């Protein structure tokens, strides 16, 4: 259960579905309630599938590219830290590429956007993918894997609920409320990233000293 809670908290903080609410509302403003619900479901399914594939393909990706776990932790930690700073400074959408004129022009032409940009890179971005690859190396027993998968599914359910309620959340919290919560989450995300970098550096130093 400790593994489930840890993975859920870390993954939910990095994904930060609440920070995606303003983008989701903007992209689905012209859709009916039924279409918005369908988009929420498809986005959630895409996110869960991407995260599960990232978890199980992690070992093969590391072996194929010859990347050590500590190198991945440092790189992933840096990505997570930059995402946290983006949340703190209110530049989350820009950090995810949503302010790029070409991207926005492309979005206007899309009929559906549950895969991109909502699932990738807004939710299942480099930070969450690298986090799952790290979990793949850390939790390798059958019980641990089950807890990780349950945590991923739980994050998916939470994401679906938040996206489906996005328009209500926006009306209730407003832009200032969402920004305030996102900045608190940003601090947690930075802490997670720093922890991964510190753990990797300590492991490298121990290897050099031995």
N, C-alpha and C. Protein backbone atom coordinates (compact mmCIF):
# COMPACT_ATOMS: atom_id res chain seq x y z
N UNK A 1 0.82 -1.21 0.00
CA UNK A 1 0.00 0.00 0.00
C UNK A 1 0.86 1.26 0.00
N UNK A 2 2.02 1.20 0.67
CA UNK A 2 2.93 2.35 0.69
C UNK A 2 3.42 2.66 -0.73
N UNK A 3 3.69 1.60 -1.49
CA UNK A 3 4.14 1.78 -2.87
C UNK A 3 3.04 2.45 -3.69
N UNK A 4 1.81 1.99 -3.50
CA UNK A 4 0.67 2.57 -4.23
C UNK A 4 0.54 4.06 -3.94
N UNK A 5 0.58 4.42 -2.67
CA UNK A 5 0.41 5.83 -2.28
C UNK A 5 1.56 6.69 -2.81
N UNK A 6 2.78 6.16 -2.72
CA UNK A 6 3.94 6.93 -3.18
C UNK A 6 3.88 7.15 -4.70
N UNK A 7 3.62 6.08 -5.46
CA UNK A 7 3.57 6.19 -6.91
C UNK A 7 2.42 7.09 -7.33
N UNK A 8 1.27 6.94 -6.68
CA UNK A 8 0.11 7.76 -7.02
C UNK A 8 0.41 9.24 -6.77
N UNK A 9 0.95 9.56 -5.59
CA UNK A 9 1.23 10.95 -5.25
C UNK A 9 2.26 11.56 -6.19
N UNK A 10 3.34 10.81 -6.47
CA UNK A 10 4.39 11.33 -7.34
C UNK A 10 3.87 11.52 -8.76
N UNK A 11 3.18 10.52 -9.28
CA UNK A 11 2.70 10.57 -10.66
C UNK A 11 1.62 11.64 -10.83
N UNK A 12 0.71 11.73 -9.87
CA UNK A 12 -0.36 12.72 -9.95
C UNK A 12 0.21 14.14 -9.91
N UNK A 13 1.22 14.35 -9.08
CA UNK A 13 1.83 15.67 -8.96
C UNK A 13 2.54 16.07 -10.25
N UNK A 14 3.25 15.11 -10.86
CA UNK A 14 3.98 15.41 -12.09
C UNK A 14 3.02 15.63 -13.26
N UNK A 15 1.99 14.78 -13.36
CA UNK A 15 1.02 14.94 -14.44
C UNK A 15 0.21 16.22 -14.26
N UNK A 16 -0.21 16.48 -13.02
CA UNK A 16 -0.96 17.69 -12.67
C UNK A 16 -2.14 17.93 -13.60
N UNK A 17 -3.14 17.07 -13.57
CA UNK A 17 -4.30 17.26 -14.45
C UNK A 17 -5.04 18.56 -14.21
N UNK A 18 -4.97 19.09 -12.98
CA UNK A 18 -5.65 20.35 -12.69
C UNK A 18 -5.05 21.50 -13.49
N UNK A 19 -3.73 21.43 -13.72
CA UNK A 19 -3.08 22.46 -14.52
C UNK A 19 -3.48 22.42 -15.98
N UNK A 20 -4.03 21.29 -16.41
CA UNK A 20 -4.47 21.13 -17.80
C UNK A 20 -5.91 21.61 -18.00
N UNK A 21 -6.61 21.87 -16.90
CA UNK A 21 -8.02 22.26 -16.97
C UNK A 21 -8.26 23.48 -17.87
N UNK A 22 -7.51 24.59 -17.70
CA UNK A 22 -7.76 25.74 -18.58
C UNK A 22 -7.57 25.42 -20.06
N UNK A 23 -6.56 24.62 -20.38
CA UNK A 23 -6.32 24.23 -21.78
C UNK A 23 -7.47 23.36 -22.29
N UNK A 24 -7.90 22.41 -21.45
CA UNK A 24 -9.00 21.52 -21.84
C UNK A 24 -10.27 22.32 -22.09
N UNK A 25 -10.56 23.27 -21.22
CA UNK A 25 -11.76 24.10 -21.38
C UNK A 25 -11.69 24.90 -22.67
N UNK A 26 -10.51 25.45 -22.95
CA UNK A 26 -10.36 26.23 -24.17
C UNK A 26 -10.52 25.41 -25.43
N UNK A 27 -9.98 24.20 -25.42
CA UNK A 27 -10.04 23.34 -26.60
C UNK A 27 -11.44 22.76 -26.83
N UNK A 28 -12.20 22.60 -25.76
CA UNK A 28 -13.52 21.96 -25.87
C UNK A 28 -14.67 22.95 -25.70
N UNK A 29 -14.37 24.22 -25.82
CA UNK A 29 -15.41 25.23 -25.58
C UNK A 29 -16.56 25.14 -26.58
N UNK A 30 -16.26 24.65 -27.79
CA UNK A 30 -17.29 24.57 -28.83
C UNK A 30 -17.96 23.20 -28.88
N UNK A 31 -17.58 22.29 -27.99
CA UNK A 31 -18.15 20.95 -27.99
C UNK A 31 -19.37 20.88 -27.06
N UNK A 32 -20.23 19.91 -27.35
CA UNK A 32 -21.37 19.66 -26.47
C UNK A 32 -20.88 18.91 -25.23
N UNK A 33 -21.75 18.79 -24.23
CA UNK A 33 -21.38 18.09 -23.00
C UNK A 33 -21.01 16.63 -23.30
N UNK A 34 -21.76 16.01 -24.21
CA UNK A 34 -21.47 14.62 -24.57
C UNK A 34 -20.11 14.49 -25.25
N UNK A 35 -19.80 15.43 -26.13
CA UNK A 35 -18.51 15.40 -26.81
C UNK A 35 -17.36 15.65 -25.84
N UNK A 36 -17.58 16.54 -24.87
CA UNK A 36 -16.54 16.81 -23.87
C UNK A 36 -16.28 15.58 -23.02
N UNK A 37 -17.35 14.88 -22.65
CA UNK A 37 -17.18 13.65 -21.86
C UNK A 37 -16.41 12.59 -22.65
N UNK A 38 -16.71 12.50 -23.93
CA UNK A 38 -16.00 11.53 -24.78
C UNK A 38 -14.53 11.90 -24.90
N UNK A 39 -14.26 13.19 -25.06
CA UNK A 39 -12.87 13.65 -25.14
C UNK A 39 -12.13 13.37 -23.84
N UNK A 40 -12.81 13.57 -22.71
CA UNK A 40 -12.21 13.29 -21.39
C UNK A 40 -11.83 11.82 -21.28
N UNK A 41 -12.75 10.94 -21.71
CA UNK A 41 -12.51 9.51 -21.62
C UNK A 41 -11.37 9.08 -22.53
N UNK A 42 -11.38 9.55 -23.79
CA UNK A 42 -10.34 9.18 -24.74
C UNK A 42 -8.96 9.68 -24.29
N UNK A 43 -8.94 10.89 -23.74
CA UNK A 43 -7.68 11.45 -23.24
C UNK A 43 -7.14 10.61 -22.10
N UNK A 44 -8.01 10.22 -21.18
CA UNK A 44 -7.60 9.41 -20.04
C UNK A 44 -7.08 8.05 -20.49
N UNK A 45 -7.78 7.42 -21.42
CA UNK A 45 -7.35 6.11 -21.93
C UNK A 45 -5.97 6.23 -22.58
N UNK A 46 -5.78 7.27 -23.37
CA UNK A 46 -4.48 7.48 -24.02
C UNK A 46 -3.37 7.67 -22.99
N UNK A 47 -3.64 8.45 -21.94
CA UNK A 47 -2.65 8.70 -20.90
C UNK A 47 -2.27 7.40 -20.19
N UNK A 48 -3.27 6.62 -19.80
CA UNK A 48 -3.01 5.36 -19.08
C UNK A 48 -2.21 4.40 -19.95
N UNK A 49 -2.58 4.28 -21.22
CA UNK A 49 -1.87 3.38 -22.13
C UNK A 49 -0.41 3.82 -22.29
N UNK A 50 -0.19 5.11 -22.45
CA UNK A 50 1.18 5.64 -22.61
C UNK A 50 2.01 5.37 -21.36
N UNK A 51 1.42 5.57 -20.20
CA UNK A 51 2.15 5.37 -18.94
C UNK A 51 2.48 3.90 -18.72
N UNK A 52 1.54 3.01 -19.03
CA UNK A 52 1.78 1.57 -18.86
C UNK A 52 2.86 1.09 -19.82
N UNK A 53 2.80 1.56 -21.07
CA UNK A 53 3.83 1.19 -22.05
C UNK A 53 5.19 1.70 -21.58
N UNK A 54 5.23 2.93 -21.06
CA UNK A 54 6.48 3.50 -20.57
C UNK A 54 7.05 2.66 -19.43
N UNK A 55 6.17 2.17 -18.56
CA UNK A 55 6.62 1.38 -17.42
C UNK A 55 7.24 0.05 -17.88
N UNK A 56 6.54 -0.66 -18.75
CA UNK A 56 7.01 -1.98 -19.15
C UNK A 56 8.14 -1.93 -20.19
N UNK A 57 8.20 -0.85 -20.96
CA UNK A 57 9.25 -0.75 -21.98
C UNK A 57 10.51 -0.08 -21.43
N UNK A 58 10.46 0.33 -20.17
CA UNK A 58 11.58 1.06 -19.59
C UNK A 58 12.90 0.33 -19.65
N UNK A 59 12.91 -0.93 -19.22
CA UNK A 59 14.14 -1.72 -19.21
C UNK A 59 14.74 -1.85 -20.60
N UNK A 60 13.91 -2.10 -21.59
CA UNK A 60 14.38 -2.29 -22.96
C UNK A 60 14.91 -0.98 -23.55
N UNK A 61 14.26 0.13 -23.20
CA UNK A 61 14.73 1.42 -23.69
C UNK A 61 16.10 1.76 -23.12
N UNK A 62 16.26 1.52 -21.82
CA UNK A 62 17.55 1.79 -21.18
C UNK A 62 18.65 0.92 -21.77
N UNK A 63 18.34 -0.36 -21.97
CA UNK A 63 19.34 -1.28 -22.52
C UNK A 63 19.68 -0.93 -23.97
N UNK A 64 18.68 -0.56 -24.74
CA UNK A 64 18.89 -0.25 -26.16
C UNK A 64 19.79 0.97 -26.34
N UNK A 65 19.54 2.01 -25.54
CA UNK A 65 20.31 3.25 -25.67
C UNK A 65 21.54 3.28 -24.76
N UNK A 66 21.71 2.23 -23.95
CA UNK A 66 22.86 2.18 -23.07
C UNK A 66 22.85 3.25 -21.99
N UNK A 67 21.68 3.55 -21.47
CA UNK A 67 21.53 4.60 -20.46
C UNK A 67 21.46 3.96 -19.08
N UNK A 68 22.25 4.49 -18.15
CA UNK A 68 22.21 3.97 -16.78
C UNK A 68 21.02 4.54 -16.04
N UNK A 69 20.61 3.85 -14.98
CA UNK A 69 19.47 4.30 -14.19
C UNK A 69 19.75 5.66 -13.55
N UNK A 70 20.97 5.87 -13.07
CA UNK A 70 21.31 7.14 -12.43
C UNK A 70 21.26 8.29 -13.43
N UNK A 71 21.71 8.04 -14.66
CA UNK A 71 21.63 9.07 -15.70
C UNK A 71 20.18 9.42 -15.99
N UNK A 72 19.33 8.39 -16.04
CA UNK A 72 17.91 8.61 -16.28
C UNK A 72 17.29 9.41 -15.14
N UNK A 73 17.67 9.08 -13.90
CA UNK A 73 17.14 9.80 -12.75
C UNK A 73 17.51 11.28 -12.80
N UNK A 74 18.76 11.56 -13.17
CA UNK A 74 19.19 12.96 -13.24
C UNK A 74 18.45 13.71 -14.35
N UNK A 75 18.38 13.08 -15.53
CA UNK A 75 17.69 13.72 -16.66
C UNK A 75 16.20 13.90 -16.36
N UNK A 76 15.58 12.83 -15.83
CA UNK A 76 14.17 12.92 -15.47
C UNK A 76 13.93 13.93 -14.37
N UNK A 77 14.84 13.96 -13.39
CA UNK A 77 14.71 14.92 -12.31
C UNK A 77 14.78 16.35 -12.80
N UNK A 78 15.67 16.61 -13.77
CA UNK A 78 15.78 17.95 -14.34
C UNK A 78 14.51 18.35 -15.08
N UNK A 79 13.93 17.39 -15.81
CA UNK A 79 12.68 17.67 -16.53
C UNK A 79 11.56 17.96 -15.54
N UNK A 80 11.50 17.16 -14.47
CA UNK A 80 10.46 17.34 -13.46
C UNK A 80 10.61 18.69 -12.76
N UNK A 81 11.87 19.06 -12.45
CA UNK A 81 12.13 20.35 -11.80
C UNK A 81 11.70 21.51 -12.68
N UNK A 82 12.03 21.45 -13.98
CA UNK A 82 11.64 22.53 -14.89
C UNK A 82 10.11 22.62 -15.02
N UNK A 83 9.44 21.46 -14.98
CA UNK A 83 7.98 21.47 -15.00
C UNK A 83 7.43 22.13 -13.75
N UNK A 84 8.07 21.83 -12.61
CA UNK A 84 7.65 22.45 -11.35
C UNK A 84 7.82 23.96 -11.36
N UNK A 85 8.95 24.43 -11.90
CA UNK A 85 9.18 25.87 -12.01
C UNK A 85 8.16 26.52 -12.94
N UNK A 86 7.79 25.79 -14.01
CA UNK A 86 6.78 26.31 -14.93
C UNK A 86 5.44 26.49 -14.22
N UNK A 87 5.12 25.55 -13.34
CA UNK A 87 3.87 25.67 -12.57
C UNK A 87 3.96 26.84 -11.58
N UNK A 88 5.10 27.00 -10.95
CA UNK A 88 5.27 28.07 -9.97
C UNK A 88 5.19 29.45 -10.61
N UNK A 89 5.75 29.57 -11.80
CA UNK A 89 5.80 30.87 -12.46
C UNK A 89 4.61 31.13 -13.37
N UNK A 90 3.70 30.15 -13.46
CA UNK A 90 2.50 30.34 -14.28
C UNK A 90 2.76 30.22 -15.77
N UNK A 91 3.83 29.51 -16.15
CA UNK A 91 4.15 29.35 -17.58
C UNK A 91 4.02 27.90 -18.00
N UNK A 92 3.09 27.17 -17.36
CA UNK A 92 2.94 25.73 -17.61
C UNK A 92 2.55 25.47 -19.07
N UNK A 93 1.61 26.22 -19.59
CA UNK A 93 1.16 26.02 -20.97
C UNK A 93 2.29 26.30 -21.96
N UNK A 94 3.05 27.36 -21.70
CA UNK A 94 4.18 27.70 -22.56
C UNK A 94 5.25 26.62 -22.48
N UNK A 95 5.46 26.09 -21.27
CA UNK A 95 6.45 25.02 -21.07
C UNK A 95 6.08 23.77 -21.84
N UNK A 96 4.78 23.52 -22.00
CA UNK A 96 4.30 22.35 -22.73
C UNK A 96 4.17 22.61 -24.23
N UNK A 97 4.55 23.81 -24.67
CA UNK A 97 4.50 24.12 -26.10
C UNK A 97 3.17 24.65 -26.57
N UNK A 98 2.28 24.97 -25.64
CA UNK A 98 0.94 25.40 -26.04
C UNK A 98 0.88 26.86 -26.50
N UNK A 99 1.95 27.63 -26.32
CA UNK A 99 1.97 29.01 -26.77
C UNK A 99 2.62 29.16 -28.14
N UNK A 100 3.13 28.05 -28.68
CA UNK A 100 3.72 28.09 -30.00
C UNK A 100 2.64 28.36 -31.04
N UNK A 101 2.87 29.35 -31.92
CA UNK A 101 1.84 29.75 -32.88
C UNK A 101 1.48 28.63 -33.84
N UNK A 102 2.49 27.86 -34.27
CA UNK A 102 2.23 26.76 -35.19
C UNK A 102 1.39 25.69 -34.53
N UNK A 103 1.69 25.41 -33.25
CA UNK A 103 0.92 24.41 -32.52
C UNK A 103 -0.53 24.85 -32.38
N UNK A 104 -0.74 26.10 -32.00
CA UNK A 104 -2.09 26.60 -31.80
C UNK A 104 -2.86 26.63 -33.13
N UNK A 105 -2.16 26.98 -34.22
CA UNK A 105 -2.80 26.98 -35.53
C UNK A 105 -3.21 25.57 -35.93
N UNK A 106 -2.36 24.59 -35.59
CA UNK A 106 -2.65 23.19 -35.90
C UNK A 106 -3.83 22.70 -35.08
N UNK A 107 -3.92 23.15 -33.84
CA UNK A 107 -5.03 22.73 -32.98
C UNK A 107 -6.36 23.21 -33.51
N UNK A 108 -6.37 24.39 -34.10
CA UNK A 108 -7.62 24.93 -34.65
C UNK A 108 -8.17 24.07 -35.77
N UNK A 109 -7.28 23.32 -36.43
CA UNK A 109 -7.71 22.49 -37.55
C UNK A 109 -8.08 21.09 -37.12
N UNK A 110 -7.78 20.73 -35.89
CA UNK A 110 -8.02 19.36 -35.43
C UNK A 110 -9.48 19.18 -35.02
N UNK A 111 -10.02 18.06 -35.40
CA UNK A 111 -11.36 17.73 -34.95
C UNK A 111 -11.30 17.10 -33.57
N UNK A 112 -10.29 16.33 -33.31
CA UNK A 112 -10.13 15.71 -32.00
C UNK A 112 -8.71 15.92 -31.53
N UNK A 113 -8.54 16.10 -30.23
CA UNK A 113 -7.21 16.39 -29.68
C UNK A 113 -7.01 15.63 -28.39
N UNK A 114 -7.63 14.46 -28.28
CA UNK A 114 -7.49 13.67 -27.05
C UNK A 114 -6.08 13.07 -26.94
N UNK A 115 -5.44 12.76 -28.09
CA UNK A 115 -4.09 12.21 -28.05
C UNK A 115 -3.06 13.33 -27.95
N UNK A 116 -3.10 14.23 -28.91
CA UNK A 116 -2.24 15.42 -28.85
C UNK A 116 -3.12 16.65 -29.00
N UNK A 117 -2.94 17.66 -28.18
CA UNK A 117 -1.86 17.80 -27.21
C UNK A 117 -2.23 17.40 -25.77
N UNK A 118 -3.48 16.93 -25.56
CA UNK A 118 -3.90 16.68 -24.18
C UNK A 118 -3.14 15.53 -23.54
N UNK A 119 -3.18 14.34 -24.19
CA UNK A 119 -2.47 13.19 -23.60
C UNK A 119 -0.96 13.40 -23.68
N UNK A 120 -0.48 13.78 -24.87
CA UNK A 120 0.93 14.09 -25.10
C UNK A 120 1.01 15.49 -25.72
N UNK A 121 1.73 16.45 -25.16
CA UNK A 121 2.59 16.29 -23.97
C UNK A 121 2.00 16.88 -22.69
N UNK A 122 0.75 17.35 -22.74
CA UNK A 122 0.20 18.05 -21.59
C UNK A 122 0.15 17.18 -20.34
N UNK A 123 -0.25 15.92 -20.47
CA UNK A 123 -0.39 15.04 -19.30
C UNK A 123 0.75 14.03 -19.22
N UNK A 124 0.82 13.14 -20.20
CA UNK A 124 1.89 12.14 -20.21
C UNK A 124 3.09 12.69 -20.96
N UNK A 125 3.83 13.57 -20.28
CA UNK A 125 4.99 14.20 -20.88
C UNK A 125 6.28 13.49 -20.50
N UNK A 126 7.42 14.09 -20.84
CA UNK A 126 8.73 13.48 -20.52
C UNK A 126 8.92 13.21 -19.04
N UNK A 127 8.41 14.10 -18.19
CA UNK A 127 8.56 13.93 -16.75
C UNK A 127 7.90 12.67 -16.23
N UNK A 128 6.63 12.46 -16.60
CA UNK A 128 5.90 11.29 -16.13
C UNK A 128 6.43 10.01 -16.77
N UNK A 129 6.86 10.09 -18.03
CA UNK A 129 7.40 8.91 -18.71
C UNK A 129 8.71 8.47 -18.07
N UNK A 130 9.60 9.43 -17.80
CA UNK A 130 10.87 9.09 -17.15
C UNK A 130 10.64 8.58 -15.74
N UNK A 131 9.62 9.11 -15.09
CA UNK A 131 9.27 8.65 -13.75
C UNK A 131 8.84 7.19 -13.77
N UNK A 132 8.04 6.80 -14.76
CA UNK A 132 7.59 5.41 -14.88
C UNK A 132 8.75 4.49 -15.21
N UNK A 133 9.68 4.95 -16.04
CA UNK A 133 10.84 4.12 -16.37
C UNK A 133 11.68 3.88 -15.12
N UNK A 134 11.79 4.91 -14.28
CA UNK A 134 12.52 4.77 -13.02
C UNK A 134 11.82 3.78 -12.10
N UNK A 135 10.50 3.85 -12.03
CA UNK A 135 9.73 2.92 -11.21
C UNK A 135 9.92 1.49 -11.71
N UNK A 136 10.08 1.33 -13.02
CA UNK A 136 10.29 0.00 -13.60
C UNK A 136 11.57 -0.63 -13.06
N UNK A 137 12.59 0.20 -12.86
CA UNK A 137 13.85 -0.29 -12.33
C UNK A 137 13.80 -0.50 -10.81
N UNK A 138 12.96 0.27 -10.15
CA UNK A 138 12.90 0.24 -8.69
C UNK A 138 11.98 -0.85 -8.17
N UNK A 139 10.85 -1.05 -8.82
CA UNK A 139 9.86 -2.04 -8.36
C UNK A 139 9.77 -3.18 -9.38
N UNK A 140 10.33 -4.33 -9.02
CA UNK A 140 10.40 -5.44 -9.97
C UNK A 140 9.72 -6.71 -9.48
N UNK A 141 9.24 -6.73 -8.25
CA UNK A 141 8.50 -7.89 -7.78
C UNK A 141 7.08 -7.84 -8.31
N UNK A 142 6.43 -8.98 -8.37
CA UNK A 142 5.07 -9.04 -8.91
C UNK A 142 4.12 -8.15 -8.11
N UNK A 143 4.23 -8.20 -6.79
CA UNK A 143 3.35 -7.39 -5.93
C UNK A 143 3.58 -5.90 -6.17
N UNK A 144 4.84 -5.50 -6.27
CA UNK A 144 5.16 -4.09 -6.50
C UNK A 144 4.62 -3.61 -7.84
N UNK A 145 4.78 -4.44 -8.86
CA UNK A 145 4.28 -4.09 -10.19
C UNK A 145 2.77 -3.90 -10.18
N UNK A 146 2.08 -4.77 -9.47
CA UNK A 146 0.61 -4.66 -9.36
C UNK A 146 0.23 -3.34 -8.70
N UNK A 147 0.94 -2.97 -7.63
CA UNK A 147 0.66 -1.71 -6.94
C UNK A 147 0.92 -0.51 -7.86
N UNK A 148 2.00 -0.58 -8.64
CA UNK A 148 2.31 0.51 -9.57
C UNK A 148 1.21 0.65 -10.62
N UNK A 149 0.77 -0.48 -11.18
CA UNK A 149 -0.29 -0.45 -12.19
C UNK A 149 -1.60 0.07 -11.60
N UNK A 150 -1.90 -0.33 -10.36
CA UNK A 150 -3.11 0.17 -9.70
C UNK A 150 -3.01 1.68 -9.49
N UNK A 151 -1.81 2.16 -9.15
CA UNK A 151 -1.61 3.59 -8.96
C UNK A 151 -1.80 4.35 -10.27
N UNK A 152 -1.29 3.77 -11.37
CA UNK A 152 -1.46 4.38 -12.69
C UNK A 152 -2.95 4.46 -13.05
N UNK A 153 -3.68 3.38 -12.79
CA UNK A 153 -5.12 3.37 -13.07
C UNK A 153 -5.85 4.39 -12.19
N UNK A 154 -5.42 4.50 -10.93
CA UNK A 154 -6.04 5.46 -10.01
C UNK A 154 -5.79 6.89 -10.49
N UNK A 155 -4.58 7.16 -10.97
CA UNK A 155 -4.27 8.48 -11.53
C UNK A 155 -5.14 8.73 -12.75
N UNK A 156 -5.35 7.68 -13.56
CA UNK A 156 -6.21 7.81 -14.72
C UNK A 156 -7.64 8.15 -14.35
N UNK A 157 -8.17 7.50 -13.32
CA UNK A 157 -9.52 7.78 -12.84
C UNK A 157 -9.62 9.22 -12.34
N UNK A 158 -8.63 9.64 -11.56
CA UNK A 158 -8.63 11.01 -11.03
C UNK A 158 -8.55 12.03 -12.16
N UNK A 159 -7.73 11.72 -13.16
CA UNK A 159 -7.61 12.61 -14.32
C UNK A 159 -8.92 12.72 -15.08
N UNK A 160 -9.59 11.59 -15.26
CA UNK A 160 -10.87 11.58 -15.96
C UNK A 160 -11.91 12.42 -15.22
N UNK A 161 -11.96 12.26 -13.90
CA UNK A 161 -12.92 13.02 -13.10
C UNK A 161 -12.66 14.52 -13.21
N UNK A 162 -11.37 14.89 -13.15
CA UNK A 162 -11.02 16.31 -13.23
C UNK A 162 -11.33 16.88 -14.61
N UNK A 163 -10.99 16.16 -15.67
CA UNK A 163 -11.27 16.65 -17.02
C UNK A 163 -12.76 16.72 -17.29
N UNK A 164 -13.48 15.71 -16.82
CA UNK A 164 -14.93 15.72 -17.04
C UNK A 164 -15.60 16.87 -16.29
N UNK A 165 -15.01 17.26 -15.17
CA UNK A 165 -15.56 18.36 -14.37
C UNK A 165 -14.85 19.68 -14.64
N UNK A 166 -14.05 19.73 -15.72
CA UNK A 166 -13.20 20.89 -15.98
C UNK A 166 -13.99 22.20 -16.04
N UNK A 167 -15.11 22.19 -16.74
CA UNK A 167 -15.88 23.43 -16.89
C UNK A 167 -16.48 23.87 -15.55
N UNK A 168 -16.86 22.92 -14.72
CA UNK A 168 -17.39 23.26 -13.40
C UNK A 168 -16.27 23.76 -12.48
N UNK A 169 -15.09 23.13 -12.59
CA UNK A 169 -13.94 23.54 -11.77
C UNK A 169 -13.54 24.97 -12.13
N UNK A 170 -13.55 25.27 -13.42
CA UNK A 170 -13.18 26.61 -13.86
C UNK A 170 -14.15 27.66 -13.31
N UNK A 171 -15.45 27.34 -13.33
CA UNK A 171 -16.44 28.27 -12.81
C UNK A 171 -16.32 28.44 -11.30
N UNK A 172 -16.00 27.33 -10.60
CA UNK A 172 -15.95 27.37 -9.13
C UNK A 172 -14.67 28.03 -8.62
N UNK A 173 -13.52 27.61 -9.15
CA UNK A 173 -12.24 28.12 -8.67
C UNK A 173 -11.83 29.41 -9.35
N UNK A 174 -12.15 29.49 -10.63
CA UNK A 174 -11.69 30.64 -11.39
C UNK A 174 -10.22 30.49 -11.76
N UNK A 175 -9.73 31.39 -12.57
CA UNK A 175 -8.34 31.32 -13.01
C UNK A 175 -7.36 31.48 -11.85
N UNK A 176 -7.69 32.37 -10.92
CA UNK A 176 -6.80 32.61 -9.78
C UNK A 176 -6.71 31.40 -8.87
N UNK A 177 -7.83 30.71 -8.67
CA UNK A 177 -7.83 29.52 -7.81
C UNK A 177 -7.02 28.39 -8.42
N UNK A 178 -7.18 28.19 -9.72
CA UNK A 178 -6.42 27.14 -10.41
C UNK A 178 -4.93 27.46 -10.38
N UNK A 179 -4.59 28.73 -10.58
CA UNK A 179 -3.17 29.12 -10.55
C UNK A 179 -2.57 28.90 -9.17
N UNK A 180 -3.35 29.21 -8.13
CA UNK A 180 -2.85 29.04 -6.76
C UNK A 180 -2.56 27.57 -6.46
N UNK A 181 -3.50 26.70 -6.82
CA UNK A 181 -3.32 25.26 -6.58
C UNK A 181 -2.17 24.73 -7.43
N UNK A 182 -2.06 25.18 -8.67
CA UNK A 182 -0.99 24.73 -9.56
C UNK A 182 0.37 25.11 -9.00
N UNK A 183 0.46 26.25 -8.37
CA UNK A 183 1.75 26.69 -7.82
C UNK A 183 2.13 25.87 -6.59
N UNK A 184 1.12 25.48 -5.82
CA UNK A 184 1.40 24.59 -4.68
C UNK A 184 1.89 23.24 -5.19
N UNK A 185 1.20 22.72 -6.21
CA UNK A 185 1.61 21.46 -6.82
C UNK A 185 3.00 21.59 -7.43
N UNK A 186 3.28 22.76 -8.00
CA UNK A 186 4.60 23.01 -8.58
C UNK A 186 5.72 22.86 -7.58
N UNK A 187 5.49 23.32 -6.36
CA UNK A 187 6.51 23.17 -5.29
C UNK A 187 6.75 21.70 -4.99
N UNK A 188 5.67 20.92 -4.95
CA UNK A 188 5.81 19.47 -4.71
C UNK A 188 6.56 18.81 -5.85
N UNK A 189 6.25 19.21 -7.08
CA UNK A 189 6.91 18.64 -8.26
C UNK A 189 8.41 18.93 -8.23
N UNK A 190 8.78 20.16 -7.87
CA UNK A 190 10.20 20.52 -7.77
C UNK A 190 10.89 19.65 -6.73
N UNK A 191 10.22 19.42 -5.60
CA UNK A 191 10.80 18.58 -4.53
C UNK A 191 11.05 17.16 -5.02
N UNK A 192 10.10 16.62 -5.80
CA UNK A 192 10.25 15.27 -6.34
C UNK A 192 11.45 15.21 -7.29
N UNK A 193 11.57 16.21 -8.15
CA UNK A 193 12.68 16.26 -9.08
C UNK A 193 14.03 16.36 -8.39
N UNK A 194 14.12 17.22 -7.37
CA UNK A 194 15.36 17.38 -6.61
C UNK A 194 15.72 16.08 -5.90
N UNK A 195 14.71 15.39 -5.37
CA UNK A 195 14.96 14.12 -4.69
C UNK A 195 15.57 13.09 -5.64
N UNK A 196 15.06 13.02 -6.87
CA UNK A 196 15.58 12.07 -7.84
C UNK A 196 17.01 12.42 -8.23
N UNK A 197 17.30 13.70 -8.41
CA UNK A 197 18.66 14.12 -8.77
C UNK A 197 19.62 13.82 -7.63
N UNK A 198 19.21 14.15 -6.40
CA UNK A 198 20.07 13.94 -5.24
C UNK A 198 20.37 12.45 -5.04
N UNK A 199 19.34 11.60 -5.20
CA UNK A 199 19.53 10.16 -5.03
C UNK A 199 20.51 9.61 -6.07
N UNK A 200 20.40 10.10 -7.31
CA UNK A 200 21.29 9.65 -8.38
C UNK A 200 22.73 10.10 -8.13
N UNK A 201 22.90 11.35 -7.70
CA UNK A 201 24.23 11.87 -7.43
C UNK A 201 24.89 11.10 -6.28
N UNK A 202 24.12 10.82 -5.23
CA UNK A 202 24.65 10.06 -4.09
C UNK A 202 25.08 8.66 -4.51
N UNK A 203 24.26 8.04 -5.38
CA UNK A 203 24.59 6.69 -5.86
C UNK A 203 25.87 6.71 -6.68
N UNK A 204 26.05 7.75 -7.50
CA UNK A 204 27.26 7.85 -8.32
C UNK A 204 28.48 8.07 -7.43
N UNK A 205 28.34 8.92 -6.41
CA UNK A 205 29.46 9.19 -5.49
C UNK A 205 29.86 7.93 -4.72
N UNK A 206 28.88 7.14 -4.32
CA UNK A 206 29.18 5.89 -3.63
C UNK A 206 29.94 4.92 -4.53
N UNK A 207 29.55 4.91 -5.80
CA UNK A 207 30.24 4.04 -6.76
C UNK A 207 31.69 4.47 -6.97
N UNK A 208 31.92 5.77 -7.01
CA UNK A 208 33.27 6.29 -7.21
C UNK A 208 34.16 6.03 -5.97
N UNK A 209 33.54 6.09 -4.78
CA UNK A 209 34.30 5.90 -3.56
C UNK A 209 34.62 4.44 -3.28
N UNK A 210 33.81 3.53 -3.83
CA UNK A 210 34.01 2.10 -3.56
C UNK A 210 35.12 1.50 -4.43
